[in-house]
Amino acid sequence: MTSVLGVGSISSITLSNRSPHRHRSPAVRASPSFFSHHDNKIYGRRKLTVKAAETDANEVKAGAPEKAPASSDAGGSSFNQLLGIKGAAQETNKWKIRLQLTKPVTWPPLVWGVVCGAAASGNFHWNIEDVAKAIVCMMMSGPCLTGYTQTLNDWYDREIDAINEPYRPIPSGAISEGEVITQIWLLLLGGLGLAGLLDVWAGHKSPVIFYLAVGGSLLSYIYSAPPLKLKQNGWIGNFALGASYISLPWWAGQALFGTLNPDIIVLTLLYSIAGLGIAIVNDFKSIEGDRAMGLQSLPVAFGIDTAKWICVGAIDITQLSVAGYLLGADKPFYALALLGLILPQVYFQFQYFLKDPVKNDVKYQANAQPFLILGLLVTALAVSH
């Protein structure tokens, strides 16, 4: 939910494209998503009817091209366009454009978070009803609330995108203002409706999943929109993004099949520090736009060399701390399994990311993040026993 599960990238826990998707809106920035960032011109000074405040007055008004560049000029691919990641081909089909705005590449981490929450509950059973509940929860977290978050983030990042990625749907004028606003509301209301349905289905006396969805959706809004616009602060914005991708979907999945407890809340929030590191990965490709718009992403605030070490430090130290927690909880086999999944991540950090975080961010995430999300499942299984 950062929208409920997802304020935004971990795209895969982040391959998401920044729109700059963030507040971290890096080239693949992911906005917080449920669980955790036209007329044919930029609406630079027009007030959004989404009830969102106007863009910050001190932001630079960047002009977007009147016409989107041709696919061949942008060097994009249709596959990237459907996933909503950088390097997308230009598209005129409105449904494909709508899908692109939801950034499907950012859905898997939220879906996986639901799986981890269900596993951690210890009450999930492989029967038709439980599988159906899990699928609905995944739809709420991924396509609906993460899609809402990503579309909202793209709207508020339209001026930064005009600098970093002027060929994207909104700054290029490929989709109108009214169509973007309609999509934001439909995805939000659809996600909240599914959350309410899940509470009824699970027999909750208190609509805990609905509350999580509302909280995640609000987090997504303040992450992207003025006056708070959390993405403007590299530390707060990135942690909000990490929590939306890890903690919120996990909580939703666990609440659906069991009960939340303080230990799980603390553990998942700790894991969200690793999500903060993953979110920083997406900031490196948006340095130019972030600096022009006054956004204090960590690469802008500390420089590339320092920020890349903050990034890998947050990812590695967090997972090592969780492994230590599992060892202290007398679960040595789970702790060793988690350590085994950390080692390949460290290898890929030195192989790709630390050498050139701007050039190799996507390659690093594609190779390393599968091990991180498997570590999440190992942790979930450990706490369920």
Protein backbone atom coordinates (compact mmCIF):
# COMPACT_ATOMS: atom_id res chain seq x y z
CA MET A 1 0.00 0.00 0.00
CA THR A 2 2.01 2.80 -0.01
CA SER A 3 -0.59 2.87 -1.43
CA VAL A 4 -1.22 0.30 0.72
CA LEU A 5 1.38 -1.53 -0.15
CA GLY A 6 3.60 0.38 -1.89
CA VAL A 7 4.57 3.81 -1.89
CA GLY A 8 6.50 3.48 -4.89
CA SER A 9 10.38 1.00 -6.49
CA ILE A 10 11.38 -1.88 -4.79
CA SER A 11 11.23 -3.11 -8.19
CA SER A 12 11.06 -4.96 -8.16
CA ILE A 13 11.86 -4.05 -5.00
CA THR A 14 12.61 -2.06 -7.81
CA LEU A 15 13.14 -2.03 -11.29
CA SER A 16 10.68 0.68 -11.36
CA ASN A 17 11.38 3.71 -13.40
CA ARG A 18 11.68 6.85 -11.71
CA SER A 19 9.38 9.15 -12.86
CA PRO A 20 11.54 10.22 -11.34
CA HIS A 21 9.55 8.13 -9.37
CA ARG A 22 10.34 9.61 -6.41
CA HIS A 23 10.31 11.72 -4.54
CA ARG A 24 12.78 9.45 -5.32
CA SER A 25 11.76 9.45 -8.58
CA PRO A 26 14.75 8.19 -10.21
CA ALA A 27 14.72 6.93 -13.48
CA VAL A 28 13.02 4.17 -12.19
CA ARG A 29 11.71 5.67 -9.20
CA ALA A 30 9.02 4.01 -7.56
CA SER A 31 6.60 5.89 -5.61
CA PRO A 32 5.31 4.58 -2.46
CA SER A 33 2.87 2.08 -3.27
CA PHE A 34 0.28 0.28 -1.42
CA PHE A 35 2.52 -1.66 0.33
CA SER A 36 6.08 0.84 1.21
CA HIS A 37 6.84 8.35 -7.83
CA HIS A 38 -3.07 16.84 -20.64
CA ASP A 39 -3.74 18.51 -22.82
CA ASN A 40 -0.73 18.12 -24.98
CA LYS A 41 1.28 20.36 -22.75
CA ILE A 42 2.69 20.23 -19.28
CA TYR A 43 0.21 21.40 -16.76
CA GLY A 44 2.90 23.25 -14.99
CA ARG A 45 0.77 25.86 -13.41
CA ARG A 46 -2.61 24.23 -13.49
CA LYS A 47 -4.20 23.10 -10.27
CA LEU A 48 -5.00 19.42 -10.18
CA THR A 49 -8.48 18.38 -9.41
CA VAL A 50 -7.19 15.45 -7.48
CA LYS A 51 -7.28 17.90 -4.71
CA ALA A 52 -3.60 17.92 -4.76
CA ALA A 53 -1.87 21.10 -3.97
CA GLU A 54 -0.16 22.98 -6.71
CA THR A 55 3.44 22.26 -7.51
CA ASP A 56 5.94 23.88 -5.25
CA ALA A 57 6.37 27.49 -6.14
CA ASN A 58 10.12 27.24 -6.14
CA GLU A 59 10.20 24.38 -8.60
CA VAL A 60 11.69 25.03 -11.97
CA LYS A 61 9.12 25.05 -14.73
CA ALA A 62 10.60 22.80 -17.34
CA GLY A 63 9.05 22.75 -20.76
CA ALA A 64 8.12 19.39 -22.15
CA PRO A 65 8.19 18.74 -25.87
CA GLU A 66 4.95 19.47 -27.65
CA LYS A 67 5.17 16.13 -29.34
CA ALA A 68 6.52 12.85 -28.01
CA PRO A 69 9.61 11.64 -29.84
CA ALA A 70 9.18 8.71 -32.16
CA SER A 71 9.92 5.26 -30.83
CA SER A 72 12.98 4.95 -32.97
CA ASP A 73 14.28 8.28 -31.72
CA ALA A 74 13.80 7.31 -28.10
CA GLY A 75 15.37 3.93 -28.77
CA GLY A 76 12.62 2.37 -26.70
CA SER A 77 11.05 -1.05 -26.64
CA SER A 78 7.45 -2.18 -26.45
CA PHE A 79 8.30 -4.55 -23.61
CA ASN A 80 9.70 -1.70 -21.50
CA GLN A 81 6.63 0.34 -22.33
CA LEU A 82 4.26 -2.30 -20.96
CA LEU A 83 6.33 -2.71 -17.80
CA GLY A 84 6.56 1.05 -17.30
CA ILE A 85 10.34 1.21 -17.09
CA LYS A 86 12.97 3.47 -18.63
CA GLY A 87 13.64 3.03 -22.32
CA ALA A 88 9.97 2.55 -23.26
CA ALA A 89 8.83 2.94 -26.85
CA GLN A 90 6.29 5.65 -27.64
CA GLU A 91 2.72 4.37 -27.70
CA THR A 92 -0.57 5.85 -28.86
CA ASN A 93 -2.88 3.12 -27.55
CA LYS A 94 -4.49 4.65 -24.46
CA TRP A 95 -4.86 1.36 -22.59
CA LYS A 96 -1.17 0.57 -23.05
CA ILE A 97 -0.35 4.08 -21.86
CA ARG A 98 -2.58 3.63 -18.80
CA LEU A 99 -0.81 0.36 -18.01
CA GLN A 100 2.57 2.05 -18.41
CA LEU A 101 1.60 4.69 -15.83
CA THR A 102 0.88 1.99 -13.24
CA LYS A 103 4.43 0.58 -13.72
CA PRO A 104 3.69 -3.18 -13.55
CA VAL A 105 7.39 -3.77 -12.91
CA THR A 106 6.85 -2.39 -9.39
CA TRP A 107 4.02 -4.78 -8.50
CA PRO A 108 6.01 -7.99 -7.74
CA PRO A 109 7.56 -6.75 -4.46
CA LEU A 110 4.12 -5.92 -3.10
CA VAL A 111 2.70 -9.22 -4.24
CA TRP A 112 5.66 -10.96 -2.60
CA GLY A 113 5.07 -8.98 0.58
CA VAL A 114 1.57 -10.44 0.78
CA VAL A 115 3.06 -13.93 0.34
CA CYS A 116 5.50 -13.27 3.19
CA GLY A 117 2.74 -11.99 5.46
CA ALA A 118 0.59 -15.03 4.74
CA ALA A 119 3.54 -17.32 5.43
CA ALA A 120 4.41 -15.50 8.66
CA SER A 121 0.83 -15.88 9.93
CA GLY A 122 1.20 -19.65 10.06
CA ASN A 123 -2.48 -19.92 9.13
CA PHE A 124 -2.39 -20.02 5.34
CA HIS A 125 -3.62 -23.31 3.84
CA TRP A 126 -3.46 -24.45 0.25
CA ASN A 127 -7.20 -24.56 -0.31
CA ILE A 128 -9.38 -22.69 -2.78
CA GLU A 129 -10.64 -20.10 -0.29
CA ASP A 130 -7.23 -19.11 1.10
CA VAL A 131 -5.68 -18.96 -2.37
CA ALA A 132 -8.57 -16.77 -3.56
CA LYS A 133 -8.15 -14.43 -0.57
CA ALA A 134 -4.43 -14.14 -1.25
CA ILE A 135 -5.01 -13.35 -4.93
CA VAL A 136 -7.50 -10.59 -4.08
CA CYS A 137 -5.05 -9.16 -1.54
CA MET A 138 -2.34 -9.19 -4.22
CA MET A 139 -4.66 -7.41 -6.67
CA MET A 140 -5.35 -4.77 -4.05
CA SER A 141 -1.66 -4.30 -3.26
CA GLY A 142 -0.26 -4.48 -6.79
CA PRO A 143 -2.42 -3.35 -9.73
CA CYS A 144 -4.80 -1.19 -7.70
CA LEU A 145 -2.92 0.59 -4.91
CA THR A 146 0.59 0.41 -6.34
CA GLY A 147 -0.88 1.46 -9.69
CA TYR A 148 -2.58 4.38 -7.94
CA THR A 149 0.69 5.34 -6.28
CA GLN A 150 2.71 5.18 -9.48
CA THR A 151 0.20 7.17 -11.51
CA LEU A 152 -0.05 9.80 -8.78
CA ASN A 153 3.72 10.00 -8.55
CA ASP A 154 4.06 10.42 -12.31
CA TRP A 155 1.57 13.27 -12.17
CA TYR A 156 3.50 15.17 -9.54
CA ASP A 157 6.82 14.32 -11.18
CA ARG A 158 5.73 15.61 -14.58
CA GLU A 159 8.07 18.59 -14.47
CA ILE A 160 11.06 16.52 -13.38
CA ASP A 161 10.21 13.96 -16.07
CA ALA A 162 10.21 16.80 -18.59
CA ILE A 163 13.94 17.07 -17.77
CA ASN A 164 14.90 13.42 -17.25
CA GLU A 165 12.42 11.56 -19.46
CA PRO A 166 10.47 14.04 -21.64
CA TYR A 167 9.08 11.20 -23.74
CA ARG A 168 7.05 9.76 -20.84
CA PRO A 169 3.24 9.79 -21.32
CA ILE A 170 2.38 12.84 -19.19
CA PRO A 171 5.11 15.34 -20.14
CA SER A 172 4.88 14.32 -23.80
CA GLY A 173 1.13 14.92 -23.86
CA ALA A 174 0.27 11.33 -24.82
CA ILE A 175 -2.51 11.26 -22.20
CA SER A 176 -4.75 14.10 -21.06
CA GLU A 177 -5.07 15.65 -17.62
CA GLY A 178 -8.62 14.39 -17.20
CA GLU A 179 -7.63 10.85 -18.12
CA VAL A 180 -4.80 10.83 -15.59
CA ILE A 181 -7.03 12.13 -12.79
CA THR A 182 -9.74 9.60 -13.60
CA GLN A 183 -7.21 6.77 -13.47
CA ILE A 184 -5.88 7.92 -10.10
CA TRP A 185 -9.35 7.92 -8.54
CA LEU A 186 -10.49 4.62 -10.05
CA LEU A 187 -7.39 2.77 -8.87
CA LEU A 188 -7.61 4.28 -5.38
CA LEU A 189 -11.30 3.52 -4.92
CA GLY A 190 -10.85 0.04 -6.40
CA GLY A 191 -8.05 -0.73 -3.94
CA LEU A 192 -9.99 0.56 -0.94
CA GLY A 193 -13.04 -1.42 -2.04
CA LEU A 194 -11.02 -4.65 -2.21
CA ALA A 195 -9.55 -3.91 1.23
CA GLY A 196 -13.04 -3.60 2.70
CA LEU A 197 -14.08 -6.82 0.97
CA LEU A 198 -11.12 -8.68 2.46
CA ASP A 199 -12.02 -7.53 5.98
CA VAL A 200 -15.55 -8.86 5.56
CA TRP A 201 -14.25 -12.09 4.02
CA ALA A 202 -11.80 -12.62 6.89
CA GLY A 203 -14.50 -11.88 9.47
CA HIS A 204 -12.60 -9.00 11.07
CA LYS A 205 -14.43 -7.12 13.79
CA SER A 206 -12.20 -4.15 13.06
CA PRO A 207 -11.45 -3.38 9.37
CA VAL A 208 -7.68 -3.61 9.82
CA ILE A 209 -6.89 -4.20 6.14
CA PHE A 210 -9.02 -1.21 5.14
CA TYR A 211 -7.17 0.93 7.69
CA LEU A 212 -3.84 -0.25 6.27
CA ALA A 213 -5.02 0.58 2.75
CA VAL A 214 -6.15 4.06 3.78
CA GLY A 215 -2.91 4.69 5.66
CA GLY A 216 -0.80 3.45 2.76
CA SER A 217 -2.76 5.56 0.27
CA LEU A 218 -2.31 8.65 2.42
CA LEU A 219 1.42 7.93 2.69
CA SER A 220 1.58 7.66 -1.09
CA TYR A 221 -0.11 11.03 -1.45
CA ILE A 222 2.11 12.95 0.96
CA TYR A 223 5.14 11.24 -0.56
CA SER A 224 4.41 12.71 -3.98
CA ALA A 225 2.32 15.82 -3.40
CA PRO A 226 3.03 19.24 -1.93
CA PRO A 227 3.18 20.65 0.64
CA LEU A 228 4.84 17.71 2.48
CA LYS A 229 6.20 15.90 -0.57
CA LEU A 230 8.32 13.45 1.43
CA LYS A 231 10.33 12.53 -1.62
CA GLN A 232 12.07 15.88 -1.38
CA ASN A 233 13.99 14.52 1.61
CA GLY A 234 16.22 11.61 0.72
CA TRP A 235 16.11 9.96 4.15
CA ILE A 236 12.42 10.29 4.98
CA GLY A 237 11.19 9.70 1.45
CA ASN A 238 13.31 6.62 0.87
CA PHE A 239 12.34 5.04 4.19
CA ALA A 240 8.66 5.72 3.45
CA LEU A 241 9.15 3.99 0.12
CA GLY A 242 10.94 1.04 1.69
CA ALA A 243 8.24 0.61 4.34
CA SER A 244 5.52 0.75 1.74
CA TYR A 245 7.15 -2.02 -0.27
CA ILE A 246 8.06 -4.32 2.61
CA SER A 247 6.09 -3.61 5.79
CA LEU A 248 2.62 -2.68 4.50
CA PRO A 249 2.01 -5.66 2.17
CA TRP A 250 3.43 -8.01 4.79
CA TRP A 251 1.07 -6.56 7.41
CA ALA A 252 -1.89 -6.90 5.05
CA GLY A 253 -1.10 -10.54 4.26
CA GLN A 254 -0.56 -11.41 7.90
CA ALA A 255 -3.70 -9.58 9.05
CA LEU A 256 -5.72 -11.42 6.40
CA PHE A 257 -4.76 -14.86 7.69
CA GLY A 258 -3.73 -14.20 11.28
CA THR A 259 -2.96 -11.32 13.62
CA LEU A 260 -0.31 -8.65 13.72
CA ASN A 261 1.88 -8.40 16.78
CA PRO A 262 4.50 -5.87 17.95
CA ASP A 263 7.42 -8.18 17.15
CA ILE A 264 6.38 -8.49 13.51
CA ILE A 265 5.80 -4.76 13.21
CA VAL A 266 9.27 -3.97 14.57
CA LEU A 267 10.97 -6.65 12.46
CA THR A 268 9.37 -5.52 9.20
CA LEU A 269 10.09 -1.86 9.92
CA LEU A 270 13.71 -2.84 10.46
CA TYR A 271 13.69 -4.66 7.14
CA SER A 272 12.34 -1.46 5.61
CA ILE A 273 15.76 0.10 6.14
CA ALA A 274 16.98 -2.31 3.47
CA GLY A 275 14.11 -0.99 1.37
CA LEU A 276 15.50 2.50 1.93
CA GLY A 277 18.78 1.32 0.42
CA ILE A 278 17.01 -0.16 -2.56
CA ALA A 279 15.11 3.07 -3.07
CA ILE A 280 18.39 5.00 -3.17
CA VAL A 281 19.48 2.85 -6.11
CA ASN A 282 16.76 4.50 -8.17
CA ASP A 283 17.95 8.00 -7.32
CA PHE A 284 21.23 7.92 -9.21
CA LYS A 285 19.74 8.29 -12.68
CA SER A 286 17.67 11.30 -11.64
CA ILE A 287 20.41 13.46 -10.20
CA GLU A 288 20.10 16.14 -12.89
CA GLY A 289 16.34 16.51 -12.57
CA ASP A 290 16.39 16.27 -8.77
CA ARG A 291 19.02 18.97 -8.51
CA ALA A 292 17.11 21.25 -10.90
CA MET A 293 13.90 20.79 -8.93
CA GLY A 294 15.52 21.20 -5.53
CA LEU A 295 14.92 17.59 -4.41
CA GLN A 296 17.47 16.44 -1.82
CA SER A 297 17.94 12.84 -2.88
CA LEU A 298 20.96 11.26 -1.23
CA PRO A 299 23.08 11.28 -4.42
CA VAL A 300 22.37 15.02 -4.72
CA ALA A 301 22.98 15.73 -1.03
CA PHE A 302 26.10 13.57 -0.52
CA GLY A 303 27.45 12.98 -4.00
CA ILE A 304 27.53 9.72 -5.95
CA ASP A 305 30.50 8.11 -4.17
CA THR A 306 29.18 8.61 -0.64
CA ALA A 307 25.57 7.81 -1.55
CA LYS A 308 26.44 4.47 -3.15
CA TRP A 309 28.09 3.29 0.09
CA ILE A 310 25.13 4.52 2.17
CA CYS A 311 22.93 2.51 -0.17
CA VAL A 312 24.75 -0.82 0.09
CA GLY A 313 25.37 -0.29 3.80
CA ALA A 314 21.64 0.07 4.49
CA ILE A 315 20.87 -3.07 2.49
CA ASP A 316 23.60 -5.28 3.95
CA ILE A 317 23.65 -4.16 7.58
CA THR A 318 19.87 -4.51 7.85
CA GLN A 319 19.89 -8.09 6.59
CA LEU A 320 22.85 -9.01 8.79
CA SER A 321 20.97 -7.58 11.77
CA VAL A 322 17.91 -9.69 10.95
CA ALA A 323 20.13 -12.77 10.62
CA GLY A 324 21.53 -11.96 14.06
CA TYR A 325 18.00 -11.63 15.42
CA LEU A 326 17.07 -15.05 14.05
CA LEU A 327 20.22 -16.56 15.53
CA GLY A 328 19.40 -15.01 18.91
CA ALA A 329 15.87 -16.41 18.64
CA ASP A 330 17.40 -19.91 18.44
CA LYS A 331 16.70 -20.32 14.72
CA PRO A 332 20.22 -20.97 13.42
CA PHE A 333 19.23 -22.71 10.20
CA TYR A 334 17.09 -19.79 9.11
CA ALA A 335 19.88 -17.39 10.09
CA LEU A 336 22.39 -19.35 7.99
CA ALA A 337 19.99 -19.47 5.05
CA LEU A 338 19.61 -15.69 5.22
CA LEU A 339 23.39 -15.24 5.36
CA GLY A 340 23.68 -17.45 2.28
CA LEU A 341 21.30 -15.11 0.43
CA ILE A 342 23.21 -11.99 1.50
CA LEU A 343 26.52 -13.12 0.00
CA PRO A 344 25.44 -13.02 -3.68
CA GLN A 345 23.99 -9.55 -3.11
CA VAL A 346 27.36 -8.32 -1.85
CA TYR A 347 29.03 -9.89 -4.88
CA PHE A 348 26.74 -8.08 -7.31
CA GLN A 349 27.23 -4.82 -5.43
CA PHE A 350 30.96 -4.96 -6.14
CA GLN A 351 30.50 -6.44 -9.60
CA TYR A 352 28.03 -3.81 -10.86
CA PHE A 353 26.66 -1.17 -8.54
CA LEU A 354 29.74 0.16 -6.77
CA LYS A 355 31.63 0.38 -10.08
CA ASP A 356 29.03 2.63 -11.69
CA PRO A 357 25.68 3.13 -9.89
CA VAL A 358 24.31 5.29 -12.70
CA LYS A 359 25.07 2.89 -15.53
CA ASN A 360 24.55 -0.42 -13.73
CA ASP A 361 21.58 0.26 -11.44
CA VAL A 362 19.08 -1.89 -13.35
CA LYS A 363 21.58 -4.68 -13.95
CA TYR A 364 22.44 -4.72 -10.25
CA GLN A 365 18.82 -4.81 -9.16
CA ALA A 366 17.94 -7.56 -11.62
CA ASN A 367 20.74 -9.77 -10.28
CA ALA A 368 20.71 -8.95 -6.56
CA GLN A 369 17.12 -8.29 -5.60
CA PRO A 370 15.84 -11.85 -6.13
CA PHE A 371 18.14 -12.89 -3.27
CA LEU A 372 16.83 -10.09 -1.05
CA ILE A 373 13.19 -11.01 -1.57
CA LEU A 374 13.95 -14.69 -0.99
CA GLY A 375 15.51 -13.57 2.29
CA LEU A 376 12.21 -11.93 3.19
CA LEU A 377 10.43 -15.27 2.75
CA VAL A 378 13.06 -17.06 4.85
CA THR A 379 12.46 -14.52 7.62
CA ALA A 380 8.69 -14.91 7.31
CA LEU A 381 8.93 -18.69 7.60
CA ALA A 382 11.23 -18.33 10.59
CA VAL A 383 8.79 -16.17 12.54
CA SER A 384 5.86 -18.46 11.73
CA HIS A 385 7.40 -21.32 13.72
